[in-house]
């Protein structure tokens, strides 16, 4: 997984200090694309790909992924997760409870943090742990 096409370069401290919602915004976009490419291995028809991918991008699934990776996070990554969980939000998912929503946002913020830092190896490790026994 190489992201050489990403031209923006951010300082690690600038990324760490970005609002959690910004990190989650980026993490959501990356994670959605990642999942969509993962389900292609399922040899399904295109209409089925959407159904397969929604199983992984919904809040309850992302809460599960976060729980899987928590014990493997660095202190800095735990800080990103903690801050994202504690971020006040006025929006709410129509298909998830508040706890699932906050945990999913924290997972997406972690993914966004690693992506923006171009920490490809660490991002791959976290995604591999997340998807152990899933696909």
N, C-alpha and C. Protein backbone atom coordinates (compact mmCIF):
# COMPACT_ATOMS: atom_id res chain seq x y z
N UNK A 1 0.85 -1.16 0.00
CA UNK A 1 0.00 0.00 0.00
C UNK A 1 0.90 1.24 0.00
N UNK A 2 0.99 1.90 -1.13
CA UNK A 2 1.79 3.12 -1.19
C UNK A 2 0.91 4.29 -1.60
N UNK A 3 1.13 5.42 -0.95
CA UNK A 3 0.32 6.60 -1.20
C UNK A 3 1.16 7.73 -1.79
N UNK A 4 2.00 7.40 -2.74
CA UNK A 4 2.88 8.41 -3.33
C UNK A 4 2.12 9.49 -4.09
N UNK A 5 0.88 9.21 -4.45
CA UNK A 5 0.08 10.19 -5.18
C UNK A 5 -0.46 11.29 -4.27
N UNK A 6 -0.38 11.09 -2.98
CA UNK A 6 -0.83 12.12 -2.03
C UNK A 6 0.27 13.18 -1.97
N UNK A 7 -0.05 14.39 -2.39
CA UNK A 7 0.98 15.42 -2.46
C UNK A 7 1.02 16.31 -1.23
N UNK A 8 -0.07 16.40 -0.51
CA UNK A 8 -0.09 17.25 0.68
C UNK A 8 0.81 16.66 1.75
N UNK A 9 1.61 17.51 2.36
CA UNK A 9 2.48 17.07 3.45
C UNK A 9 2.15 17.89 4.67
N UNK A 10 1.77 17.19 5.71
CA UNK A 10 1.43 17.84 6.96
C UNK A 10 2.44 17.43 8.02
N UNK A 11 2.73 18.32 8.92
CA UNK A 11 3.58 18.03 10.06
C UNK A 11 2.80 17.13 11.02
N UNK A 12 3.47 16.17 11.66
CA UNK A 12 2.80 15.23 12.55
C UNK A 12 2.05 15.94 13.66
N UNK A 13 2.62 16.98 14.24
CA UNK A 13 1.93 17.72 15.31
C UNK A 13 0.70 18.45 14.78
N UNK A 14 0.79 18.96 13.54
CA UNK A 14 -0.38 19.61 12.94
C UNK A 14 -1.50 18.60 12.75
N UNK A 15 -1.14 17.39 12.31
CA UNK A 15 -2.15 16.34 12.12
C UNK A 15 -2.76 15.96 13.46
N UNK A 16 -1.91 15.75 14.47
CA UNK A 16 -2.39 15.37 15.79
C UNK A 16 -3.35 16.41 16.36
N UNK A 17 -3.10 17.68 16.06
CA UNK A 17 -3.92 18.77 16.60
C UNK A 17 -5.12 19.14 15.73
N UNK A 18 -5.28 18.45 14.60
CA UNK A 18 -6.46 18.70 13.77
C UNK A 18 -7.70 18.31 14.57
N UNK A 19 -8.82 18.94 14.31
CA UNK A 19 -10.06 18.51 14.97
C UNK A 19 -10.33 17.03 14.67
N UNK A 20 -10.84 16.34 15.64
CA UNK A 20 -11.13 14.91 15.47
C UNK A 20 -12.09 14.68 14.31
N UNK A 21 -13.01 15.60 14.13
CA UNK A 21 -13.97 15.45 13.03
C UNK A 21 -13.28 15.53 11.67
N UNK A 22 -12.21 16.30 11.59
CA UNK A 22 -11.44 16.38 10.34
C UNK A 22 -10.71 15.06 10.09
N UNK A 23 -10.08 14.52 11.13
CA UNK A 23 -9.40 13.24 11.00
C UNK A 23 -10.40 12.14 10.61
N UNK A 24 -11.57 12.18 11.24
CA UNK A 24 -12.60 11.17 10.94
C UNK A 24 -13.12 11.32 9.51
N UNK A 25 -13.23 12.54 9.04
CA UNK A 25 -13.67 12.81 7.66
C UNK A 25 -12.72 12.14 6.67
N UNK A 26 -11.42 12.32 6.88
CA UNK A 26 -10.42 11.71 6.01
C UNK A 26 -10.41 10.19 6.20
N UNK A 27 -10.47 9.75 7.45
CA UNK A 27 -10.47 8.32 7.74
C UNK A 27 -11.66 7.61 7.12
N UNK A 28 -12.81 8.23 7.17
CA UNK A 28 -14.01 7.65 6.58
C UNK A 28 -13.83 7.46 5.07
N UNK A 29 -13.28 8.46 4.40
CA UNK A 29 -13.09 8.37 2.96
C UNK A 29 -12.10 7.25 2.61
N UNK A 30 -10.98 7.21 3.32
CA UNK A 30 -9.98 6.18 3.05
C UNK A 30 -10.56 4.79 3.35
N UNK A 31 -11.20 4.66 4.52
CA UNK A 31 -11.71 3.36 4.95
C UNK A 31 -12.77 2.84 3.98
N UNK A 32 -13.63 3.72 3.50
CA UNK A 32 -14.66 3.31 2.53
C UNK A 32 -14.03 2.75 1.26
N UNK A 33 -13.02 3.43 0.76
CA UNK A 33 -12.33 2.94 -0.44
C UNK A 33 -11.61 1.63 -0.16
N UNK A 34 -10.97 1.54 1.00
CA UNK A 34 -10.26 0.32 1.39
C UNK A 34 -11.23 -0.87 1.42
N UNK A 35 -12.36 -0.69 2.07
CA UNK A 35 -13.36 -1.76 2.17
C UNK A 35 -13.88 -2.14 0.80
N UNK A 36 -14.16 -1.16 -0.03
CA UNK A 36 -14.68 -1.45 -1.37
C UNK A 36 -13.69 -2.28 -2.18
N UNK A 37 -12.41 -2.03 -2.02
CA UNK A 37 -11.44 -2.84 -2.75
C UNK A 37 -11.30 -4.23 -2.13
N UNK A 38 -11.48 -4.34 -0.82
CA UNK A 38 -11.41 -5.64 -0.15
C UNK A 38 -12.54 -6.57 -0.59
N UNK A 39 -13.75 -6.05 -0.73
CA UNK A 39 -14.87 -6.91 -1.09
C UNK A 39 -14.82 -7.37 -2.53
N UNK A 40 -13.98 -6.77 -3.34
CA UNK A 40 -13.85 -7.22 -4.73
C UNK A 40 -13.35 -8.66 -4.79
N UNK A 41 -12.66 -9.12 -3.76
CA UNK A 41 -12.17 -10.49 -3.72
C UNK A 41 -13.30 -11.50 -3.53
N UNK A 42 -14.50 -11.04 -3.29
CA UNK A 42 -15.63 -11.93 -3.02
C UNK A 42 -16.30 -12.47 -4.29
N UNK A 43 -15.86 -12.02 -5.46
CA UNK A 43 -16.44 -12.48 -6.73
C UNK A 43 -17.96 -12.35 -6.76
N UNK A 44 -18.45 -11.25 -6.33
CA UNK A 44 -19.89 -10.99 -6.32
C UNK A 44 -20.25 -10.12 -7.51
N UNK A 45 -21.54 -10.00 -7.75
CA UNK A 45 -22.01 -9.07 -8.76
C UNK A 45 -21.94 -7.67 -8.18
N UNK A 46 -21.86 -6.66 -9.04
CA UNK A 46 -21.65 -5.29 -8.56
C UNK A 46 -22.68 -4.83 -7.54
N UNK A 47 -23.93 -5.20 -7.69
CA UNK A 47 -24.95 -4.81 -6.73
C UNK A 47 -24.69 -5.39 -5.35
N UNK A 48 -24.10 -6.54 -5.32
CA UNK A 48 -23.80 -7.21 -4.05
C UNK A 48 -22.60 -6.55 -3.35
N UNK A 49 -21.71 -5.93 -4.11
CA UNK A 49 -20.54 -5.27 -3.51
C UNK A 49 -20.97 -4.22 -2.50
N UNK A 50 -21.99 -3.47 -2.82
CA UNK A 50 -22.46 -2.42 -1.91
C UNK A 50 -22.95 -3.04 -0.60
N UNK A 51 -23.72 -4.11 -0.71
CA UNK A 51 -24.23 -4.77 0.49
C UNK A 51 -23.09 -5.34 1.33
N UNK A 52 -22.09 -5.93 0.67
CA UNK A 52 -20.94 -6.47 1.40
C UNK A 52 -20.18 -5.36 2.11
N UNK A 53 -19.96 -4.25 1.41
CA UNK A 53 -19.15 -3.18 2.00
C UNK A 53 -19.88 -2.49 3.16
N UNK A 54 -21.20 -2.38 3.09
CA UNK A 54 -21.91 -1.71 4.18
C UNK A 54 -21.80 -2.50 5.49
N UNK A 55 -21.55 -3.79 5.40
CA UNK A 55 -21.35 -4.58 6.62
C UNK A 55 -20.12 -4.13 7.40
N UNK A 56 -19.17 -3.50 6.72
CA UNK A 56 -17.92 -3.11 7.37
C UNK A 56 -17.83 -1.62 7.68
N UNK A 57 -18.60 -0.81 6.98
CA UNK A 57 -18.49 0.63 7.21
C UNK A 57 -19.55 1.16 8.17
N UNK A 58 -20.46 0.30 8.59
CA UNK A 58 -21.48 0.77 9.55
C UNK A 58 -20.84 0.96 10.93
N UNK A 59 -21.48 1.78 11.73
CA UNK A 59 -20.91 2.18 13.03
C UNK A 59 -20.64 0.99 13.94
N UNK A 60 -21.54 0.03 14.00
CA UNK A 60 -21.34 -1.11 14.90
C UNK A 60 -20.13 -1.94 14.49
N UNK A 61 -19.88 -2.06 13.20
CA UNK A 61 -18.70 -2.79 12.74
C UNK A 61 -17.42 -2.03 13.09
N UNK A 62 -17.44 -0.72 12.89
CA UNK A 62 -16.26 0.08 13.20
C UNK A 62 -15.99 0.11 14.70
N UNK A 63 -17.03 0.07 15.51
CA UNK A 63 -16.85 -0.06 16.96
C UNK A 63 -16.12 -1.37 17.26
N UNK A 64 -16.50 -2.43 16.58
CA UNK A 64 -15.85 -3.72 16.76
C UNK A 64 -14.39 -3.69 16.33
N UNK A 65 -14.11 -3.00 15.23
CA UNK A 65 -12.73 -2.88 14.76
C UNK A 65 -11.89 -2.12 15.79
N UNK A 66 -12.47 -1.05 16.33
CA UNK A 66 -11.75 -0.27 17.34
C UNK A 66 -11.42 -1.14 18.54
N UNK A 67 -12.39 -1.92 18.99
CA UNK A 67 -12.16 -2.80 20.13
C UNK A 67 -11.04 -3.81 19.85
N UNK A 68 -10.96 -4.28 18.61
CA UNK A 68 -9.92 -5.24 18.23
C UNK A 68 -8.52 -4.64 18.30
N UNK A 69 -8.40 -3.36 17.94
CA UNK A 69 -7.07 -2.75 17.83
C UNK A 69 -6.61 -2.02 19.09
N UNK A 70 -7.52 -1.73 20.01
CA UNK A 70 -7.20 -0.89 21.17
C UNK A 70 -5.94 -1.31 21.91
N UNK A 71 -5.76 -2.57 22.16
CA UNK A 71 -4.59 -3.04 22.92
C UNK A 71 -3.29 -2.96 22.13
N UNK A 72 -3.38 -2.68 20.85
CA UNK A 72 -2.19 -2.61 20.00
C UNK A 72 -1.79 -1.17 19.65
N UNK A 73 -2.49 -0.20 20.22
CA UNK A 73 -2.22 1.20 19.86
C UNK A 73 -1.10 1.80 20.70
N UNK A 74 -0.37 2.73 20.09
CA UNK A 74 0.63 3.50 20.81
C UNK A 74 -0.11 4.52 21.68
N UNK A 75 0.60 5.14 22.59
CA UNK A 75 -0.02 6.17 23.43
C UNK A 75 -0.55 7.32 22.59
N UNK A 76 0.20 7.70 21.57
CA UNK A 76 -0.24 8.80 20.69
C UNK A 76 -1.53 8.43 19.97
N UNK A 77 -1.59 7.20 19.48
CA UNK A 77 -2.80 6.74 18.80
C UNK A 77 -3.97 6.65 19.77
N UNK A 78 -3.71 6.21 20.99
CA UNK A 78 -4.78 6.17 22.01
C UNK A 78 -5.29 7.57 22.30
N UNK A 79 -4.39 8.56 22.29
CA UNK A 79 -4.81 9.95 22.50
C UNK A 79 -5.73 10.42 21.38
N UNK A 80 -5.41 10.05 20.15
CA UNK A 80 -6.27 10.40 19.00
C UNK A 80 -7.65 9.80 19.21
N UNK A 81 -7.69 8.53 19.58
CA UNK A 81 -8.96 7.82 19.79
C UNK A 81 -9.74 8.44 20.94
N UNK A 82 -9.08 8.68 22.05
CA UNK A 82 -9.74 9.25 23.23
C UNK A 82 -10.34 10.62 22.92
N UNK A 83 -9.55 11.44 22.25
CA UNK A 83 -10.04 12.78 21.91
C UNK A 83 -11.25 12.71 20.98
N UNK A 84 -11.20 11.79 20.02
CA UNK A 84 -12.32 11.66 19.08
C UNK A 84 -13.58 11.16 19.79
N UNK A 85 -13.41 10.23 20.71
CA UNK A 85 -14.57 9.72 21.46
C UNK A 85 -15.22 10.82 22.29
N UNK A 86 -14.41 11.73 22.80
CA UNK A 86 -14.90 12.78 23.69
C UNK A 86 -15.34 14.04 22.96
N UNK A 87 -15.20 14.07 21.65
CA UNK A 87 -15.60 15.24 20.89
C UNK A 87 -17.11 15.39 20.92
N UNK A 88 -17.54 16.59 21.28
CA UNK A 88 -18.98 16.87 21.28
C UNK A 88 -19.44 16.96 19.84
N UNK A 89 -20.52 16.31 19.56
CA UNK A 89 -21.07 16.38 18.21
C UNK A 89 -22.55 16.67 18.26
N UNK A 90 -22.98 17.51 17.35
CA UNK A 90 -24.41 17.81 17.28
C UNK A 90 -25.11 16.86 16.32
N UNK A 91 -24.31 16.18 15.47
CA UNK A 91 -24.92 15.24 14.55
C UNK A 91 -24.98 13.86 15.19
N UNK A 92 -25.87 13.05 14.66
CA UNK A 92 -26.06 11.71 15.19
C UNK A 92 -26.43 10.81 14.03
N UNK A 93 -25.93 9.60 14.07
CA UNK A 93 -26.27 8.64 13.05
C UNK A 93 -27.72 8.21 13.20
N UNK A 94 -28.40 8.07 12.08
CA UNK A 94 -29.79 7.63 12.15
C UNK A 94 -29.88 6.12 12.34
N UNK A 95 -28.78 5.40 12.12
CA UNK A 95 -28.79 3.95 12.21
C UNK A 95 -27.93 3.39 13.34
N UNK A 96 -27.45 4.25 14.24
CA UNK A 96 -26.57 3.78 15.31
C UNK A 96 -26.84 4.56 16.58
N UNK A 97 -26.60 3.91 17.70
CA UNK A 97 -26.68 4.59 18.98
C UNK A 97 -25.49 5.50 19.17
N UNK A 98 -25.58 6.37 20.16
CA UNK A 98 -24.52 7.34 20.40
C UNK A 98 -23.18 6.68 20.69
N UNK A 99 -23.16 5.62 21.46
CA UNK A 99 -21.91 4.93 21.80
C UNK A 99 -21.25 4.35 20.54
N UNK A 100 -22.02 3.66 19.71
CA UNK A 100 -21.47 3.12 18.47
C UNK A 100 -20.95 4.24 17.58
N UNK A 101 -21.72 5.32 17.51
CA UNK A 101 -21.35 6.45 16.66
C UNK A 101 -20.03 7.06 17.12
N UNK A 102 -19.86 7.27 18.41
CA UNK A 102 -18.63 7.87 18.93
C UNK A 102 -17.43 6.93 18.74
N UNK A 103 -17.64 5.63 18.92
CA UNK A 103 -16.56 4.67 18.72
C UNK A 103 -16.19 4.56 17.25
N UNK A 104 -17.18 4.60 16.37
CA UNK A 104 -16.91 4.57 14.94
C UNK A 104 -16.15 5.83 14.51
N UNK A 105 -16.53 6.96 15.04
CA UNK A 105 -15.83 8.21 14.74
C UNK A 105 -14.39 8.14 15.23
N UNK A 106 -14.18 7.56 16.40
CA UNK A 106 -12.83 7.41 16.93
C UNK A 106 -11.99 6.51 16.04
N UNK A 107 -12.57 5.42 15.56
CA UNK A 107 -11.85 4.52 14.65
C UNK A 107 -11.50 5.25 13.36
N UNK A 108 -12.45 5.98 12.80
CA UNK A 108 -12.19 6.73 11.57
C UNK A 108 -11.13 7.79 11.80
N UNK A 109 -11.14 8.45 12.95
CA UNK A 109 -10.12 9.45 13.26
C UNK A 109 -8.73 8.81 13.32
N UNK A 110 -8.64 7.63 13.91
CA UNK A 110 -7.37 6.90 13.95
C UNK A 110 -6.89 6.60 12.54
N UNK A 111 -7.77 6.10 11.69
CA UNK A 111 -7.41 5.79 10.31
C UNK A 111 -6.97 7.06 9.59
N UNK A 112 -7.71 8.15 9.78
CA UNK A 112 -7.35 9.42 9.15
C UNK A 112 -6.00 9.93 9.63
N UNK A 113 -5.75 9.80 10.92
CA UNK A 113 -4.47 10.23 11.50
C UNK A 113 -3.31 9.46 10.87
N UNK A 114 -3.44 8.16 10.78
CA UNK A 114 -2.37 7.34 10.19
C UNK A 114 -2.21 7.63 8.70
N UNK A 115 -3.33 7.81 8.01
CA UNK A 115 -3.28 8.10 6.58
C UNK A 115 -2.58 9.43 6.31
N UNK A 116 -2.98 10.48 7.03
CA UNK A 116 -2.38 11.79 6.79
C UNK A 116 -0.90 11.83 7.16
N UNK A 117 -0.51 11.00 8.13
CA UNK A 117 0.91 10.90 8.48
C UNK A 117 1.69 10.05 7.49
N UNK A 118 1.00 9.49 6.52
CA UNK A 118 1.60 8.61 5.51
C UNK A 118 2.32 7.44 6.17
N UNK A 119 1.78 7.00 7.29
CA UNK A 119 2.35 5.88 8.02
C UNK A 119 1.72 4.59 7.47
N UNK A 120 2.16 4.23 6.26
CA UNK A 120 1.54 3.13 5.53
C UNK A 120 1.68 1.79 6.25
N UNK A 121 2.85 1.53 6.80
CA UNK A 121 3.06 0.26 7.47
C UNK A 121 2.14 0.13 8.69
N UNK A 122 2.05 1.19 9.47
CA UNK A 122 1.21 1.15 10.66
C UNK A 122 -0.27 1.06 10.28
N UNK A 123 -0.66 1.78 9.26
CA UNK A 123 -2.03 1.73 8.78
C UNK A 123 -2.38 0.31 8.34
N UNK A 124 -1.48 -0.33 7.63
CA UNK A 124 -1.69 -1.71 7.20
C UNK A 124 -1.81 -2.64 8.41
N UNK A 125 -0.97 -2.45 9.41
CA UNK A 125 -1.04 -3.28 10.63
C UNK A 125 -2.42 -3.15 11.29
N UNK A 126 -2.88 -1.92 11.44
CA UNK A 126 -4.17 -1.67 12.10
C UNK A 126 -5.31 -2.28 11.27
N UNK A 127 -5.26 -2.12 9.96
CA UNK A 127 -6.31 -2.69 9.11
C UNK A 127 -6.26 -4.22 9.11
N UNK A 128 -5.06 -4.78 9.13
CA UNK A 128 -4.93 -6.25 9.19
C UNK A 128 -5.53 -6.78 10.48
N UNK A 129 -5.25 -6.13 11.59
CA UNK A 129 -5.84 -6.55 12.88
C UNK A 129 -7.36 -6.39 12.83
N UNK A 130 -7.82 -5.28 12.27
CA UNK A 130 -9.25 -5.03 12.17
C UNK A 130 -9.97 -6.13 11.40
N UNK A 131 -9.36 -6.58 10.34
CA UNK A 131 -10.03 -7.52 9.43
C UNK A 131 -9.63 -8.96 9.65
N UNK A 132 -8.90 -9.25 10.72
CA UNK A 132 -8.62 -10.64 11.05
C UNK A 132 -9.94 -11.39 11.14
N UNK A 133 -10.03 -12.49 10.42
CA UNK A 133 -11.20 -13.35 10.45
C UNK A 133 -12.46 -12.70 9.89
N UNK A 134 -12.34 -11.57 9.23
CA UNK A 134 -13.53 -10.88 8.69
C UNK A 134 -13.79 -11.21 7.24
N UNK A 135 -12.74 -11.25 6.43
CA UNK A 135 -12.94 -11.47 4.99
C UNK A 135 -12.28 -12.75 4.54
